[in-house]
Amino acid sequence: MQASLTRLSESLSNFLEPTMEQILNDALIRKREVLKMTGWSNSTLYNRIAAKQFKVGVKIGPRMVAWPLSEVQNHITQLINQRDQKQGELA
């Protein structure tokens, strides 16, 4: 009985307490980091947003915007997958 209560307690603890990976994926990063990660210029970022090729940031203050790290990483992964698909078509 005690062992099953311990396992239940550990399961609930894992469910309720986010892992470091979950915390990082939910982290918001500022524009400077987005530009570093993507290699884009400031104007390219806003041109991609205007063309609906990149999501608008999350307003975190009166004059502050940030982007979820997971969304930026997903966008980069999509770009890599698109490149790989095009290379596969050429082979």
N, C-alpha and C. Protein backbone atom coordinates (compact mmCIF):
# COMPACT_ATOMS: atom_id res chain seq x y z
N MET A 1 0.82 -1.19 0.00
CA MET A 1 0.00 0.00 0.00
C MET A 1 0.87 1.26 0.00
N GLN A 2 1.90 1.24 0.86
CA GLN A 2 2.79 2.40 0.96
C GLN A 2 3.52 2.65 -0.36
N ALA A 3 3.95 1.56 -1.02
CA ALA A 3 4.67 1.69 -2.29
C ALA A 3 3.78 2.31 -3.35
N SER A 4 2.51 1.91 -3.40
CA SER A 4 1.62 2.47 -4.41
C SER A 4 1.31 3.94 -4.12
N LEU A 5 1.23 4.30 -2.84
CA LEU A 5 1.03 5.71 -2.48
C LEU A 5 2.25 6.55 -2.88
N THR A 6 3.42 5.98 -2.71
CA THR A 6 4.65 6.68 -3.09
C THR A 6 4.69 6.90 -4.60
N ARG A 7 4.34 5.86 -5.36
CA ARG A 7 4.32 5.98 -6.83
C ARG A 7 3.28 7.01 -7.27
N LEU A 8 2.12 7.01 -6.64
CA LEU A 8 1.08 7.98 -6.95
C LEU A 8 1.56 9.39 -6.64
N SER A 9 2.21 9.56 -5.52
CA SER A 9 2.74 10.86 -5.13
C SER A 9 3.78 11.35 -6.13
N GLU A 10 4.66 10.45 -6.57
CA GLU A 10 5.68 10.81 -7.57
C GLU A 10 5.04 11.17 -8.90
N SER A 11 4.01 10.42 -9.29
CA SER A 11 3.32 10.71 -10.55
C SER A 11 2.66 12.07 -10.50
N LEU A 12 1.99 12.38 -9.40
CA LEU A 12 1.36 13.69 -9.26
C LEU A 12 2.39 14.80 -9.24
N SER A 13 3.49 14.57 -8.59
CA SER A 13 4.56 15.55 -8.51
C SER A 13 5.11 15.84 -9.91
N ASN A 14 5.33 14.79 -10.70
CA ASN A 14 5.82 14.96 -12.07
C ASN A 14 4.80 15.69 -12.93
N PHE A 15 3.53 15.43 -12.68
CA PHE A 15 2.48 16.07 -13.46
C PHE A 15 2.35 17.55 -13.11
N LEU A 16 2.45 17.87 -11.84
CA LEU A 16 2.22 19.23 -11.39
C LEU A 16 3.46 20.13 -11.53
N GLU A 17 4.64 19.57 -11.41
CA GLU A 17 5.86 20.35 -11.50
C GLU A 17 6.43 20.25 -12.91
N PRO A 18 6.52 21.36 -13.61
CA PRO A 18 7.04 21.31 -14.97
C PRO A 18 8.53 20.96 -14.99
N THR A 19 8.93 20.28 -16.04
CA THR A 19 10.35 19.95 -16.21
C THR A 19 11.07 21.18 -16.75
N MET A 20 12.38 21.15 -16.71
CA MET A 20 13.18 22.26 -17.24
C MET A 20 12.89 22.45 -18.73
N GLU A 21 12.70 21.35 -19.45
CA GLU A 21 12.39 21.43 -20.88
C GLU A 21 11.07 22.16 -21.11
N GLN A 22 10.05 21.85 -20.30
CA GLN A 22 8.76 22.53 -20.42
C GLN A 22 8.90 24.01 -20.11
N ILE A 23 9.67 24.33 -19.10
CA ILE A 23 9.86 25.73 -18.73
C ILE A 23 10.55 26.47 -19.86
N LEU A 24 11.60 25.87 -20.44
CA LEU A 24 12.31 26.54 -21.53
C LEU A 24 11.44 26.69 -22.77
N ASN A 25 10.65 25.67 -23.08
CA ASN A 25 9.78 25.75 -24.25
C ASN A 25 8.72 26.84 -24.10
N ASP A 26 8.31 27.09 -22.86
CA ASP A 26 7.31 28.12 -22.61
C ASP A 26 7.93 29.49 -22.40
N ALA A 27 9.26 29.57 -22.40
CA ALA A 27 9.95 30.83 -22.15
C ALA A 27 9.67 31.82 -23.28
N LEU A 28 9.63 33.08 -22.93
CA LEU A 28 9.47 34.14 -23.92
C LEU A 28 10.83 34.77 -24.17
N ILE A 29 11.16 34.95 -25.44
CA ILE A 29 12.44 35.56 -25.78
C ILE A 29 12.21 36.87 -26.50
N ARG A 30 13.09 37.81 -26.28
CA ARG A 30 12.96 39.13 -26.87
C ARG A 30 13.44 39.12 -28.32
N LYS A 31 13.16 40.21 -29.00
CA LYS A 31 13.45 40.31 -30.43
C LYS A 31 14.92 40.06 -30.74
N ARG A 32 15.81 40.57 -29.92
CA ARG A 32 17.24 40.40 -30.17
C ARG A 32 17.60 38.92 -30.29
N GLU A 33 17.02 38.09 -29.41
CA GLU A 33 17.29 36.65 -29.45
C GLU A 33 16.66 36.00 -30.69
N VAL A 34 15.46 36.46 -31.06
CA VAL A 34 14.82 35.93 -32.27
C VAL A 34 15.70 36.22 -33.48
N LEU A 35 16.23 37.43 -33.56
CA LEU A 35 17.08 37.80 -34.68
C LEU A 35 18.37 36.98 -34.70
N LYS A 36 18.94 36.72 -33.53
CA LYS A 36 20.14 35.89 -33.45
C LYS A 36 19.85 34.47 -33.91
N MET A 37 18.73 33.92 -33.44
CA MET A 37 18.40 32.53 -33.76
C MET A 37 18.10 32.33 -35.24
N THR A 38 17.42 33.31 -35.85
CA THR A 38 17.01 33.16 -37.25
C THR A 38 18.02 33.70 -38.24
N GLY A 39 18.88 34.61 -37.77
CA GLY A 39 19.83 35.25 -38.68
C GLY A 39 19.19 36.38 -39.49
N TRP A 40 17.98 36.76 -39.14
CA TRP A 40 17.27 37.81 -39.87
C TRP A 40 17.67 39.19 -39.37
N SER A 41 17.40 40.17 -40.23
CA SER A 41 17.51 41.57 -39.80
C SER A 41 16.17 41.98 -39.19
N ASN A 42 16.16 43.15 -38.58
CA ASN A 42 14.95 43.69 -37.98
C ASN A 42 13.84 43.83 -39.03
N SER A 43 14.20 44.37 -40.20
CA SER A 43 13.18 44.57 -41.25
C SER A 43 12.67 43.24 -41.79
N THR A 44 13.54 42.24 -41.90
CA THR A 44 13.10 40.92 -42.38
C THR A 44 12.10 40.31 -41.41
N LEU A 45 12.35 40.44 -40.12
CA LEU A 45 11.41 39.92 -39.12
C LEU A 45 10.04 40.53 -39.33
N TYR A 46 9.97 41.84 -39.43
CA TYR A 46 8.67 42.49 -39.55
C TYR A 46 8.04 42.27 -40.93
N ASN A 47 8.86 42.11 -41.96
CA ASN A 47 8.32 41.76 -43.29
C ASN A 47 7.70 40.36 -43.26
N ARG A 48 8.33 39.43 -42.57
CA ARG A 48 7.77 38.07 -42.46
C ARG A 48 6.48 38.08 -41.65
N ILE A 49 6.43 38.91 -40.61
CA ILE A 49 5.19 39.03 -39.83
C ILE A 49 4.08 39.60 -40.70
N ALA A 50 4.39 40.66 -41.46
CA ALA A 50 3.39 41.29 -42.33
C ALA A 50 2.89 40.32 -43.40
N ALA A 51 3.78 39.45 -43.88
CA ALA A 51 3.41 38.45 -44.90
C ALA A 51 2.79 37.21 -44.29
N LYS A 52 2.59 37.22 -42.95
CA LYS A 52 2.02 36.09 -42.22
C LYS A 52 2.87 34.83 -42.35
N GLN A 53 4.19 35.01 -42.49
CA GLN A 53 5.12 33.89 -42.53
C GLN A 53 5.74 33.64 -41.16
N PHE A 54 5.48 34.53 -40.21
CA PHE A 54 6.00 34.41 -38.85
C PHE A 54 4.97 35.03 -37.93
N LYS A 55 4.79 34.43 -36.78
CA LYS A 55 3.74 34.90 -35.87
C LYS A 55 4.13 36.21 -35.18
N VAL A 56 3.12 36.99 -34.86
CA VAL A 56 3.29 38.22 -34.10
C VAL A 56 3.73 37.86 -32.69
N GLY A 57 4.54 38.71 -32.09
CA GLY A 57 4.99 38.46 -30.73
C GLY A 57 3.90 38.67 -29.70
N VAL A 58 4.21 38.30 -28.47
CA VAL A 58 3.30 38.44 -27.34
C VAL A 58 3.65 39.73 -26.61
N LYS A 59 2.67 40.58 -26.41
CA LYS A 59 2.90 41.84 -25.71
C LYS A 59 3.15 41.55 -24.24
N ILE A 60 4.31 41.96 -23.73
CA ILE A 60 4.65 41.69 -22.33
C ILE A 60 4.80 42.97 -21.52
N GLY A 61 4.55 44.09 -22.16
CA GLY A 61 4.63 45.39 -21.48
C GLY A 61 4.12 46.46 -22.42
N PRO A 62 4.08 47.70 -21.96
CA PRO A 62 3.55 48.78 -22.80
C PRO A 62 4.29 48.92 -24.13
N ARG A 63 5.60 48.70 -24.11
CA ARG A 63 6.39 48.81 -25.34
C ARG A 63 7.32 47.62 -25.51
N MET A 64 6.89 46.48 -25.01
CA MET A 64 7.74 45.28 -25.05
C MET A 64 6.98 44.11 -25.67
N VAL A 65 7.68 43.40 -26.56
CA VAL A 65 7.12 42.23 -27.23
C VAL A 65 8.14 41.10 -27.11
N ALA A 66 7.65 39.88 -26.98
CA ALA A 66 8.53 38.71 -26.94
C ALA A 66 7.84 37.58 -27.69
N TRP A 67 8.61 36.55 -28.00
CA TRP A 67 8.09 35.40 -28.74
C TRP A 67 8.33 34.14 -27.92
N PRO A 68 7.38 33.21 -27.94
CA PRO A 68 7.61 31.93 -27.27
C PRO A 68 8.78 31.19 -27.95
N LEU A 69 9.73 30.75 -27.16
CA LEU A 69 10.89 30.05 -27.68
C LEU A 69 10.47 28.87 -28.54
N SER A 70 9.45 28.14 -28.10
CA SER A 70 9.01 26.95 -28.84
C SER A 70 8.52 27.32 -30.24
N GLU A 71 7.86 28.47 -30.39
CA GLU A 71 7.38 28.89 -31.72
C GLU A 71 8.54 29.23 -32.64
N VAL A 72 9.55 29.89 -32.11
CA VAL A 72 10.72 30.24 -32.92
C VAL A 72 11.45 28.97 -33.34
N GLN A 73 11.63 28.05 -32.41
CA GLN A 73 12.29 26.78 -32.72
C GLN A 73 11.49 25.99 -33.76
N ASN A 74 10.16 25.97 -33.63
CA ASN A 74 9.32 25.26 -34.61
C ASN A 74 9.44 25.89 -35.98
N HIS A 75 9.51 27.21 -36.03
CA HIS A 75 9.64 27.89 -37.33
C HIS A 75 10.97 27.53 -37.99
N ILE A 76 12.03 27.52 -37.22
CA ILE A 76 13.33 27.15 -37.76
C ILE A 76 13.31 25.70 -38.26
N THR A 77 12.69 24.82 -37.51
CA THR A 77 12.57 23.42 -37.91
C THR A 77 11.79 23.29 -39.21
N GLN A 78 10.73 24.07 -39.37
CA GLN A 78 9.95 24.05 -40.61
C GLN A 78 10.79 24.49 -41.80
N LEU A 79 11.60 25.53 -41.60
CA LEU A 79 12.48 26.00 -42.69
C LEU A 79 13.48 24.92 -43.09
N ILE A 80 14.02 24.23 -42.12
CA ILE A 80 14.97 23.15 -42.40
C ILE A 80 14.28 22.02 -43.13
N ASN A 81 13.06 21.66 -42.70
CA ASN A 81 12.31 20.60 -43.37
C ASN A 81 11.96 20.96 -44.81
N GLN A 82 11.61 22.23 -45.05
CA GLN A 82 11.32 22.68 -46.41
C GLN A 82 12.56 22.56 -47.29
N ARG A 83 13.71 22.96 -46.74
CA ARG A 83 14.96 22.84 -47.49
C ARG A 83 15.23 21.38 -47.83
N ASP A 84 15.07 20.50 -46.85
CA ASP A 84 15.36 19.09 -47.06
C ASP A 84 14.42 18.47 -48.09
N GLN A 85 13.16 18.89 -48.08
CA GLN A 85 12.21 18.38 -49.08
C GLN A 85 12.61 18.83 -50.49
N LYS A 86 13.03 20.07 -50.62
CA LYS A 86 13.45 20.58 -51.94
C LYS A 86 14.69 19.84 -52.42
N GLN A 87 15.61 19.57 -51.52
CA GLN A 87 16.82 18.83 -51.90
C GLN A 87 16.47 17.41 -52.31
N GLY A 88 15.48 16.81 -51.64
CA GLY A 88 15.04 15.46 -52.00
C GLY A 88 14.42 15.42 -53.39
N GLU A 89 13.73 16.50 -53.76
CA GLU A 89 13.10 16.58 -55.08
C GLU A 89 14.16 16.73 -56.17
N LEU A 90 15.28 17.36 -55.85
CA LEU A 90 16.34 17.57 -56.83
C LEU A 90 17.18 16.33 -57.07
N ALA A 91 17.19 15.42 -56.09
CA ALA A 91 18.05 14.23 -56.20
C ALA A 91 17.46 13.21 -57.14
